[in-house]
Amino acid sequence: MSLKDTSYTPESLTNYSWPIFSASLLVLYHFLVLQTVSLLTQVNLNFIMCPAVCDPFKGRFYRILAVATIVCWLFLY
């Protein structure tokens, strides 16, 4: 940046390209990589097979709720 004569301008608040990209990587990593390795090794990696004791999400769709919460925080951050 110092080699250019222009100043840095941040992205606009309506540009959601990076949050969408990072959310899609997060979902792909948790549901394809971690869940596959977790099922093959029978190890609860990052609490993907069953929820943690302190996890507020329980039941059938806890993974979807947990990842959706993280994605919401990505957009709010």
C-alpha atoms as a PDB file:
ATOM      1  CA  MET A   1       0.000   0.000   0.000  1.00  0.00           C
ATOM      2  CA  SER A   2       2.814   2.404   0.662  1.00  0.00           C
ATOM      3  CA  LEU A   3       4.055   2.089  -2.918  1.00  0.00           C
ATOM      4  CA  LYS A   4       0.829   3.511  -4.281  1.00  0.00           C
ATOM      5  CA  ASP A   5      -0.083   7.161  -4.040  1.00  0.00           C
ATOM      6  CA  THR A   6      -3.676   6.437  -3.083  1.00  0.00           C
ATOM      7  CA  SER A   7      -4.993   6.085   0.414  1.00  0.00           C
ATOM      8  CA  TYR A   8      -6.694   2.968   1.670  1.00  0.00           C
ATOM      9  CA  THR A   9     -10.479   2.997   1.541  1.00  0.00           C
ATOM     10  CA  PRO A  10     -12.395   0.301   3.398  1.00  0.00           C
ATOM     11  CA  GLU A  11     -15.150  -1.669   1.745  1.00  0.00           C
ATOM     12  CA  SER A  12     -18.677  -0.371   1.984  1.00  0.00           C
ATOM     13  CA  LEU A  13     -21.050  -1.824   4.554  1.00  0.00           C
ATOM     14  CA  THR A  14     -23.267  -3.203   1.790  1.00  0.00           C
ATOM     15  CA  ASN A  15     -20.480  -5.352   0.330  1.00  0.00           C
ATOM     16  CA  TYR A  16     -21.067  -8.854   1.690  1.00  0.00           C
ATOM     17  CA  SER A  17     -18.659 -10.740  -0.554  1.00  0.00           C
ATOM     18  CA  TRP A  18     -16.053 -11.535   2.130  1.00  0.00           C
ATOM     19  CA  PRO A  19     -18.541 -12.535   4.863  1.00  0.00           C
ATOM     20  CA  ILE A  20     -20.358 -14.821   2.415  1.00  0.00           C
ATOM     21  CA  PHE A  21     -17.064 -16.340   1.282  1.00  0.00           C
ATOM     22  CA  SER A  22     -15.879 -16.950   4.854  1.00  0.00           C
ATOM     23  CA  ALA A  23     -19.273 -18.343   5.902  1.00  0.00           C
ATOM     24  CA  SER A  24     -19.270 -20.784   2.995  1.00  0.00           C
ATOM     25  CA  LEU A  25     -15.743 -21.927   3.881  1.00  0.00           C
ATOM     26  CA  LEU A  26     -16.803 -22.389   7.500  1.00  0.00           C
ATOM     27  CA  VAL A  27     -19.838 -24.478   6.556  1.00  0.00           C
ATOM     28  CA  LEU A  28     -17.872 -26.572   4.063  1.00  0.00           C
ATOM     29  CA  TYR A  29     -15.108 -27.197   6.588  1.00  0.00           C
ATOM     30  CA  HIS A  30     -17.476 -28.201   9.405  1.00  0.00           C
ATOM     31  CA  PHE A  31     -19.871 -30.337   7.404  1.00  0.00           C
ATOM     32  CA  LEU A  32     -17.547 -31.909   4.836  1.00  0.00           C
ATOM     33  CA  VAL A  33     -14.112 -32.142   6.422  1.00  0.00           C
ATOM     34  CA  LEU A  34     -14.724 -32.304  10.173  1.00  0.00           C
ATOM     35  CA  GLN A  35     -17.865 -34.409  10.017  1.00  0.00           C
ATOM     36  CA  THR A  36     -16.311 -36.919   7.604  1.00  0.00           C
ATOM     37  CA  VAL A  37     -13.139 -37.306   9.658  1.00  0.00           C
ATOM     38  CA  SER A  38     -15.183 -37.396  12.849  1.00  0.00           C
ATOM     39  CA  LEU A  39     -17.420 -40.188  11.573  1.00  0.00           C
ATOM     40  CA  LEU A  40     -14.493 -42.205  10.213  1.00  0.00           C
ATOM     41  CA  THR A  41     -12.403 -41.965  13.384  1.00  0.00           C
ATOM     42  CA  GLN A  42     -15.305 -41.887  15.893  1.00  0.00           C
ATOM     43  CA  VAL A  43     -13.706 -38.841  17.551  1.00  0.00           C
ATOM     44  CA  ASN A  44     -15.805 -35.795  18.413  1.00  0.00           C
ATOM     45  CA  LEU A  45     -13.749 -33.166  16.587  1.00  0.00           C
ATOM     46  CA  ASN A  46     -14.815 -29.630  17.482  1.00  0.00           C
ATOM     47  CA  PHE A  47     -18.070 -31.089  18.902  1.00  0.00           C
ATOM     48  CA  ILE A  48     -19.364 -31.950  15.432  1.00  0.00           C
ATOM     49  CA  MET A  49     -20.763 -35.389  16.336  1.00  0.00           C
ATOM     50  CA  CYS A  50     -22.481 -34.493  19.588  1.00  0.00           C
ATOM     51  CA  PRO A  51     -22.882 -31.191  21.448  1.00  0.00           C
ATOM     52  CA  ALA A  52     -20.678 -30.071  24.283  1.00  0.00           C
ATOM     53  CA  VAL A  53     -21.983 -30.141  27.841  1.00  0.00           C
ATOM     54  CA  CYS A  54     -22.111 -26.332  27.986  1.00  0.00           C
ATOM     55  CA  ASP A  55     -23.564 -25.972  24.467  1.00  0.00           C
ATOM     56  CA  PRO A  56     -27.008 -24.297  24.516  1.00  0.00           C
ATOM     57  CA  PHE A  57     -28.064 -26.132  21.356  1.00  0.00           C
ATOM     58  CA  LYS A  58     -29.403 -29.619  21.848  1.00  0.00           C
ATOM     59  CA  GLY A  59     -31.481 -31.953  19.782  1.00  0.00           C
ATOM     60  CA  ARG A  60     -31.608 -33.056  16.209  1.00  0.00           C
ATOM     61  CA  PHE A  61     -30.540 -29.834  14.487  1.00  0.00           C
ATOM     62  CA  TYR A  62     -27.881 -28.602  16.912  1.00  0.00           C
ATOM     63  CA  ARG A  63     -25.137 -28.539  14.253  1.00  0.00           C
ATOM     64  CA  ILE A  64     -27.169 -26.346  11.944  1.00  0.00           C
ATOM     65  CA  LEU A  65     -28.053 -23.971  14.800  1.00  0.00           C
ATOM     66  CA  ALA A  66     -24.464 -23.778  16.024  1.00  0.00           C
ATOM     67  CA  VAL A  67     -23.033 -23.046  12.574  1.00  0.00           C
ATOM     68  CA  ALA A  68     -25.859 -20.583  11.816  1.00  0.00           C
ATOM     69  CA  THR A  69     -24.992 -18.696  14.998  1.00  0.00           C
ATOM     70  CA  ILE A  70     -21.359 -18.446  13.935  1.00  0.00           C
ATOM     71  CA  VAL A  71     -22.407 -17.243  10.475  1.00  0.00           C
ATOM     72  CA  CYS A  72     -24.610 -14.561  12.063  1.00  0.00           C
ATOM     73  CA  TRP A  73     -21.649 -13.375  14.110  1.00  0.00           C
ATOM     74  CA  LEU A  74     -19.588 -13.179  10.919  1.00  0.00           C
ATOM     75  CA  PHE A  75     -22.077 -10.759   9.407  1.00  0.00           C
ATOM     76  CA  LEU A  76     -22.375  -8.712  12.591  1.00  0.00           C
ATOM     77  CA  TYR A  77     -18.643  -8.425  13.082  1.00  0.00           C
END
